[in-house]
Protein backbone atom coordinates (compact mmCIF):
# COMPACT_ATOMS: atom_id res chain seq x y z
CA MET A 1 111.21 120.72 130.92
CA GLU A 2 110.17 124.22 129.79
CA ARG A 3 111.03 123.37 126.19
CA TRP A 4 108.98 120.17 126.41
CA LEU A 5 105.93 122.10 127.69
CA LYS A 6 106.18 124.63 124.83
CA THR A 7 106.94 122.35 121.89
CA GLY A 8 105.82 118.91 123.07
CA LYS A 9 109.18 117.33 122.20
CA LEU A 10 112.71 117.18 123.52
CA SER A 11 114.57 116.36 120.31
CA SER A 12 114.00 115.52 116.64
CA LYS A 13 113.96 111.80 117.45
CA ARG A 14 110.80 112.25 119.52
CA SER A 15 108.95 114.29 116.90
CA SER A 16 106.35 111.53 116.52
CA GLU A 17 105.11 111.88 120.09
CA VAL A 18 101.76 113.43 120.89
CA ALA A 19 101.79 117.18 121.53
CA GLU A 20 100.95 118.12 125.12
CA PRO A 21 98.82 121.08 126.33
CA GLU A 22 100.17 124.60 126.51
CA PRO A 23 101.89 125.98 129.63
CA ASP A 24 98.72 127.65 130.94
CA GLU A 25 96.94 124.31 131.22
CA ALA A 26 97.13 121.69 133.95
CA PRO A 27 100.06 119.24 134.04
CA PRO A 28 99.77 116.40 131.55
CA ALA A 29 99.34 113.76 134.21
CA LYS A 30 96.17 115.38 135.55
CA ILE A 31 94.47 115.96 132.21
CA GLN A 32 91.75 113.51 131.24
CA ALA A 33 91.37 113.25 127.46
CA THR A 34 87.87 112.72 126.07
CA VAL A 35 89.13 110.27 123.48
CA SER A 36 91.74 107.58 123.37
CA GLU A 37 95.31 108.01 122.25
CA PRO A 38 95.53 110.32 119.21
CA ARG A 39 96.46 108.97 115.81
CA HIS A 40 99.34 110.17 113.69
CA ILE A 41 98.85 111.56 110.20
CA GLU A 42 102.51 111.92 109.25
CA ASP A 43 105.82 111.43 111.00
CA ASN A 44 106.20 115.17 111.60
CA LYS A 45 102.54 115.92 112.43
CA LYS A 46 100.62 114.97 115.56
CA LEU A 47 96.91 114.96 116.35
CA ARG A 48 95.89 116.78 119.51
CA PRO A 49 93.17 115.21 121.68
CA TYR A 50 90.04 117.05 122.75
CA LEU A 51 89.72 117.97 126.44
CA ASP A 52 86.48 118.56 128.29
CA LYS A 53 87.62 121.98 129.50
CA TYR A 54 87.66 123.25 125.90
CA LEU A 55 83.90 123.70 126.23
CA GLU A 56 84.67 126.83 128.28
CA HIS A 57 85.80 128.39 125.00
CA GLY A 58 82.68 127.24 123.15
CA PHE A 59 84.06 124.15 121.39
CA THR A 60 83.04 120.53 121.24
CA PHE A 61 84.50 117.82 118.99
CA VAL A 62 83.71 115.73 115.90
CA SER A 63 85.49 112.86 114.15
CA ASP A 64 86.26 110.94 117.35
CA GLY A 65 87.64 113.97 119.14
CA LEU A 66 90.14 114.95 116.47
CA LEU A 67 88.44 118.10 115.09
CA PRO A 68 87.11 121.01 117.20
CA GLN A 69 83.63 122.31 116.39
CA CYS A 70 82.15 125.59 117.57
CA VAL A 71 78.83 125.08 119.40
CA VAL A 72 77.61 128.54 118.33
CA CYS A 73 78.21 128.67 114.56
CA TYR A 74 78.86 124.90 114.12
CA GLU A 75 82.09 125.62 112.22
CA THR A 76 84.58 122.75 112.25
CA LEU A 77 88.27 123.67 112.47
CA SER A 78 91.39 121.65 111.77
CA ASN A 79 93.21 119.60 114.39
CA ALA A 80 95.90 122.27 114.51
CA SER A 81 93.31 124.58 116.10
CA MET A 82 92.89 122.24 119.08
CA LYS A 83 94.50 124.88 121.29
CA PRO A 84 92.87 127.20 123.83
CA SER A 85 94.54 130.22 122.26
CA LYS A 86 93.08 129.56 118.82
CA MET A 87 89.67 128.71 120.24
CA ILE A 88 89.66 131.97 122.21
CA ARG A 89 90.66 133.86 119.07
CA HIS A 90 87.78 132.29 117.18
CA LEU A 91 85.41 133.31 119.96
CA GLN A 92 86.76 136.89 120.05
CA THR A 93 86.71 137.44 116.29
CA LYS A 94 83.44 135.75 115.32
CA HIS A 95 81.39 135.81 118.54
CA THR A 96 82.57 138.92 120.33
CA GLU A 97 79.39 139.27 122.36
CA LEU A 98 79.79 135.73 123.77
CA GLN A 99 83.39 135.78 124.94
CA ASN A 100 82.45 136.51 128.57
CA LYS A 101 79.72 133.86 128.77
CA SER A 102 79.98 131.12 131.36
CA ILE A 103 80.38 127.44 130.64
CA ASP A 104 76.68 126.89 131.39
CA PHE A 105 75.77 128.95 128.32
CA PHE A 106 77.99 126.84 126.10
CA MET A 107 76.57 123.66 127.65
CA LEU A 108 73.10 124.78 126.53
CA LYS A 109 74.47 125.45 123.06
CA LEU A 110 76.03 121.99 123.07
CA GLU A 111 72.67 120.43 123.94
CA GLU A 112 71.06 122.31 121.05
CA LEU A 113 73.76 120.98 118.73
CA LYS A 114 73.25 117.41 119.93
CA LYS A 115 69.51 117.77 119.53
CA SER A 116 69.88 118.95 115.94
CA ARG A 117 72.19 116.01 115.26
CA ARG A 118 69.61 113.59 116.65
CA VAL A 119 66.89 115.15 114.49
CA MET A 120 69.03 114.84 111.36
CA ARG A 121 69.98 111.28 112.23
CA LYS A 122 66.37 110.35 112.85
CA SER A 123 65.30 111.95 109.60
CA ALA A 124 68.04 110.19 107.65
CA PHE A 125 67.92 106.72 109.20
CA SER A 126 64.74 106.18 111.20
CA SER A 127 62.54 107.00 108.21
CA GLY A 128 64.97 105.62 105.70
CA SER A 129 62.33 103.72 103.77
CA ASN A 130 60.20 106.85 103.32
CA ASN A 131 63.22 108.88 102.21
CA GLU A 132 64.23 106.15 99.80
CA ASN A 133 60.74 105.97 98.29
CA ALA A 134 60.60 109.76 97.99
CA THR A 135 63.96 109.78 96.21
CA LEU A 136 62.90 107.02 93.83
CA ALA A 137 59.66 108.85 93.09
CA SER A 138 61.62 112.02 92.40
CA TYR A 139 63.80 110.19 89.86
CA GLU A 140 60.79 108.60 88.16
CA VAL A 141 58.97 111.92 87.83
CA ALA A 142 62.13 113.56 86.49
CA GLN A 143 62.39 110.78 83.91
CA LEU A 144 58.81 111.43 82.76
CA ILE A 145 59.54 115.16 82.46
CA ALA A 146 62.66 114.46 80.42
CA LYS A 147 60.82 112.07 78.08
CA ALA A 148 57.99 114.57 77.57
CA GLY A 149 60.45 117.43 76.96
CA LYS A 150 58.70 119.69 79.47
CA ALA A 151 60.21 122.47 81.56
CA HIS A 152 61.76 121.45 84.89
CA THR A 153 59.49 123.84 86.78
CA ILE A 154 56.39 121.86 85.85
CA ALA A 155 57.07 119.38 88.66
CA GLU A 156 57.07 122.00 91.40
CA GLU A 157 54.35 124.17 89.91
CA LEU A 158 51.88 121.53 88.67
CA ILE A 159 52.73 117.87 89.25
CA LEU A 160 53.42 117.98 92.98
CA PRO A 161 50.44 120.21 93.93
CA ALA A 162 48.14 118.06 91.78
CA ALA A 163 49.45 114.86 93.40
CA VAL A 164 48.95 116.31 96.88
CA ILE A 165 45.35 117.28 96.09
CA LEU A 166 44.57 113.85 94.65
CA CYS A 167 46.05 112.03 97.65
CA LYS A 168 44.30 114.31 100.10
CA ARG A 169 40.91 113.75 98.51
CA MET A 170 41.26 110.05 97.79
CA LEU A 171 43.56 108.73 100.54
CA GLY A 172 43.53 111.30 103.34
CA ASP A 173 45.83 113.88 104.90
CA SER A 174 48.50 111.36 105.96
CA ALA A 175 49.07 110.24 102.38
CA ALA A 176 49.16 113.86 101.20
CA LYS A 177 51.86 114.67 103.77
CA MET A 178 53.96 111.76 102.53
CA VAL A 179 53.64 112.96 98.94
CA GLU A 180 54.74 116.45 99.98
CA THR A 181 58.12 115.03 101.05
CA VAL A 182 59.02 114.11 97.44
CA PRO A 183 61.76 116.54 96.30
CA LEU A 184 60.62 118.03 93.00
CA SER A 185 62.10 121.52 92.90
CA ASN A 186 63.45 122.99 89.70
CA SER A 187 67.10 122.40 90.62
CA THR A 188 66.36 118.89 91.93
CA VAL A 189 64.64 117.80 88.73
CA ARG A 190 67.49 119.21 86.67
CA ARG A 191 70.05 117.38 88.82
CA ARG A 192 68.10 114.12 88.59
CA ILE A 193 67.96 114.32 84.79
CA LEU A 194 71.69 115.04 84.56
CA GLU A 195 72.48 112.13 86.89
CA MET A 196 70.34 109.70 84.88
CA ALA A 197 71.86 110.95 81.63
CA GLY A 198 75.35 110.51 83.08
CA ASN A 199 74.51 107.00 84.23
CA ILE A 200 73.20 106.02 80.79
CA GLU A 201 76.31 107.49 79.20
CA ASP A 202 78.64 105.62 81.57
CA ASN A 203 76.86 102.32 80.91
CA LEU A 204 77.17 102.89 77.17
CA PHE A 205 80.91 103.54 77.44
CA VAL A 206 81.43 100.43 79.58
CA LYS A 207 79.60 98.23 77.07
CA LEU A 208 81.38 99.88 74.15
CA ASN A 209 84.81 99.32 75.69
CA MET A 210 83.99 95.68 76.43
CA SER A 211 82.77 95.02 72.89
CA PRO A 212 85.34 93.38 70.58
CA MET A 213 84.45 95.73 67.73
CA PHE A 214 82.18 98.61 66.83
CA ALA A 215 81.10 100.73 63.86
CA ILE A 216 80.02 104.36 63.73
CA GLN A 217 77.68 106.31 61.50
CA LEU A 218 77.88 110.08 61.36
CA ASP A 219 76.55 113.04 59.47
CA GLU A 220 76.57 116.80 59.87
CA SER A 221 73.79 119.22 59.09
CA THR A 222 72.99 122.88 59.66
CA ASP A 223 70.31 123.73 62.21
CA VAL A 224 67.93 126.70 62.27
CA SER A 225 70.62 128.94 63.77
CA SER A 226 73.00 128.20 60.85
CA LYS A 227 75.33 126.13 63.02
CA ALA A 228 76.86 122.89 61.77
CA VAL A 229 76.10 120.03 64.18
CA MET A 230 77.61 116.57 63.80
CA THR A 231 75.63 113.58 65.08
CA VAL A 232 77.30 110.21 65.68
CA PHE A 233 75.64 106.82 66.20
CA VAL A 234 77.45 103.64 67.22
CA ARG A 235 76.73 99.97 66.66
CA PHE A 236 78.50 97.34 68.79
CA ILE A 237 78.17 93.77 70.11
CA TRP A 238 76.82 93.19 73.62
CA ASP A 239 75.54 89.94 75.05
CA GLN A 240 75.75 88.27 71.63
CA GLN A 241 73.49 90.92 70.13
CA VAL A 242 74.12 93.90 67.90
CA ILE A 243 73.20 97.08 69.78
CA GLU A 244 72.74 100.46 68.12
CA ASP A 245 72.73 103.64 70.21
CA PHE A 246 73.30 107.36 70.01
CA LEU A 247 76.93 108.20 70.85
CA PHE A 248 77.26 112.00 70.89
CA SER A 249 76.67 115.24 69.00
CA HIS A 250 79.11 118.07 68.54
CA GLU A 251 78.93 121.56 67.11
CA LEU A 252 81.48 122.18 64.37
CA LEU A 253 83.04 125.50 63.53
CA HIS A 254 84.08 124.17 60.11
CA THR A 255 82.96 121.06 58.25
CA LYS A 256 86.38 120.09 56.96
CA ALA A 257 87.70 116.55 57.35
CA ALA A 258 90.33 117.66 59.88
CA ASP A 259 87.71 119.32 62.10
CA ILE A 260 85.39 116.31 61.97
CA PHE A 261 88.18 113.86 62.77
CA LYS A 262 89.46 116.07 65.62
CA ALA A 263 86.00 116.10 67.22
CA LEU A 264 85.81 112.30 66.95
CA ASP A 265 89.35 111.74 68.20
CA ASP A 266 88.94 114.08 71.18
CA PHE A 267 85.74 112.32 72.23
CA PHE A 268 87.30 108.86 71.89
CA ASN A 269 90.38 109.87 73.90
CA LEU A 270 88.25 111.50 76.60
CA HIS A 271 86.23 108.33 77.16
CA GLU A 272 89.07 105.89 76.45
CA ILE A 273 87.48 104.37 73.35
CA ARG A 274 90.05 102.53 71.29
CA TRP A 275 90.21 103.30 67.59
CA GLU A 276 91.64 99.82 66.91
CA LYS A 277 88.20 98.32 67.54
CA CYS A 278 86.53 100.46 64.88
CA VAL A 279 85.72 98.26 61.89
CA GLY A 280 83.25 100.44 60.01
CA VAL A 281 82.41 104.07 59.27
CA CYS A 282 79.22 105.02 57.44
CA THR A 283 78.86 108.54 56.04
CA ASP A 284 77.42 110.35 53.06
CA GLY A 285 79.30 110.72 49.80
CA ALA A 286 80.70 114.22 50.39
CA SER A 287 84.40 114.63 49.69
CA ALA A 288 85.09 115.73 53.27
CA MET A 289 83.68 112.40 54.47
CA ALA A 290 84.45 109.89 51.72
CA GLY A 291 87.76 111.24 50.43
CA TRP A 292 90.35 108.45 50.45
CA LYS A 293 93.32 110.84 50.36
CA THR A 294 92.44 113.83 52.54
CA GLY A 295 88.91 113.03 53.69
CA LEU A 296 87.64 111.56 56.95
CA GLN A 297 87.98 108.06 55.52
CA ALA A 298 91.73 108.49 55.07
CA LYS A 299 92.26 109.98 58.54
CA VAL A 300 90.31 107.23 60.30
CA LYS A 301 92.23 104.53 58.43
CA GLU A 302 95.46 105.90 59.88
CA VAL A 303 94.33 105.01 63.40
CA ALA A 304 91.97 102.12 62.53
CA PRO A 305 93.52 100.07 59.70
CA LYS A 306 90.69 97.49 59.77
CA MET A 307 88.02 100.12 59.12
CA LYS A 308 85.75 99.75 56.08
CA TRP A 309 83.95 102.80 54.75
CA THR A 310 80.38 102.50 53.42
CA HIS A 311 78.12 105.00 51.73
CA CYS A 312 74.85 105.49 53.65
CA CYS A 313 72.03 103.71 51.78
CA ILE A 314 69.44 106.31 52.81
CA HIS A 315 71.65 109.06 51.44
CA ARG A 316 72.04 107.16 48.20
CA GLU A 317 68.28 106.76 47.92
CA ALA A 318 67.86 110.49 48.47
CA LEU A 319 70.35 111.21 45.70
CA VAL A 320 68.54 108.83 43.35
CA ALA A 321 65.17 110.40 44.19
CA LYS A 322 66.45 113.79 43.05
CA ARG A 323 67.16 112.45 39.56
CA LEU A 324 64.06 110.33 38.92
CA PRO A 325 62.28 110.61 35.54
CA GLY A 326 59.19 112.81 35.36
CA PRO A 327 56.42 110.18 35.92
CA PHE A 328 58.28 108.51 38.78
CA GLN A 329 59.07 111.87 40.36
CA LYS A 330 55.37 112.81 40.32
CA VAL A 331 54.36 109.53 42.00
CA LEU A 332 57.05 109.95 44.63
CA ASN A 333 55.97 113.53 45.38
CA ASP A 334 52.37 112.39 45.83
CA VAL A 335 53.45 109.63 48.20
CA VAL A 336 55.54 112.10 50.24
CA LYS A 337 52.59 114.50 50.51
CA ILE A 338 50.27 111.72 51.69
CA ILE A 339 52.73 110.52 54.33
CA ASN A 340 53.38 114.07 55.56
CA PHE A 341 49.63 114.71 55.78
CA ILE A 342 49.13 111.57 57.88
CA LYS A 343 52.12 112.02 60.19
CA ALA A 344 51.43 115.72 60.79
CA ARG A 345 47.98 114.96 62.29
CA PRO A 346 47.71 112.64 65.33
CA LEU A 347 44.15 111.58 64.48
CA GLN A 348 45.05 110.62 60.92
CA SER A 349 48.18 108.84 62.18
CA ARG A 350 46.11 106.75 64.61
CA LEU A 351 43.50 105.95 61.98
CA SER A 352 46.12 104.84 59.48
CA ALA A 353 47.61 102.51 62.10
CA ILE A 354 44.29 100.62 62.50
CA PRO A 355 44.47 97.45 60.37
CA TYR A 356 41.68 96.89 57.90
CA VAL A 357 39.48 93.88 58.63
CA THR A 358 38.31 92.04 55.56
CA ASP A 359 34.92 90.33 55.72
CA VAL A 360 35.52 86.82 54.44
CA THR A 361 31.93 85.68 54.79
């Protein structure tokens, strides 16, 4: 009997039974559990039930009475801590000044905890439509900020205060208070943009993996910081249409064929894109790209035998433009200057877009 009170079992065959209270507690028959029969996690582990008298040590329960929670610091412990000795130790180590408090004190703390739970539940569910609209508005504003390329802080510093002022003047204080609930902090806007970008990326990978075939176009160039950056576009079939989208960009340490292929192969393996579906690769005419022995073309053909390599038509036109005869080169330079003059000035760009109306009368 003494062994059963200490360990909760008589032999190894009864190891799946529920552990009973410690010797300093009342007999098992007189104890009223707050919850129903405990559930088993494993054959050799048992879940202890919560008892009402544990409130004397400053603990209530969560998760249907399976996890003890301190009513002072709201810390949730494991089911193995559902013992008076461990609860007392928590009270002595973390709340030394409260270890001699009566149960009435902990009952007040429990009421405060329940009240805070009700407030959170009311905020989350009772005004669910308002919270949902505020979240949607936050995503839409973050999308506008991302499209405009503005700093994330502009939402908190300018957009939200301006919206509150407009609503207060035009619609009243109640509308202004509703607008103030829209989360537009710096970290929130950043998180929203990353989530939307991740969602767009996931949708692209799903469509790409479902497409029967795809082709890629890539090129590398050096940016203002003298770093080689490779940009890859993909073209695939979706819903009986040919879709073209940006796939990824990657910074290269070296622009050799092996480095370029490794960057492509690592990205494809990471997102489970099958090389067998690749039917086309479009690059410039550099030897690292177009080489049929040691270039990127040869390395891609090893994993995608159906692939056909093509020389980028825009790159070919650029090469031809460099070797034009004198008169043609002068005309081309004049055309380039005119286009650059128009596109560099918004007013001129808008004026050039206005179609000319011919008077036929």
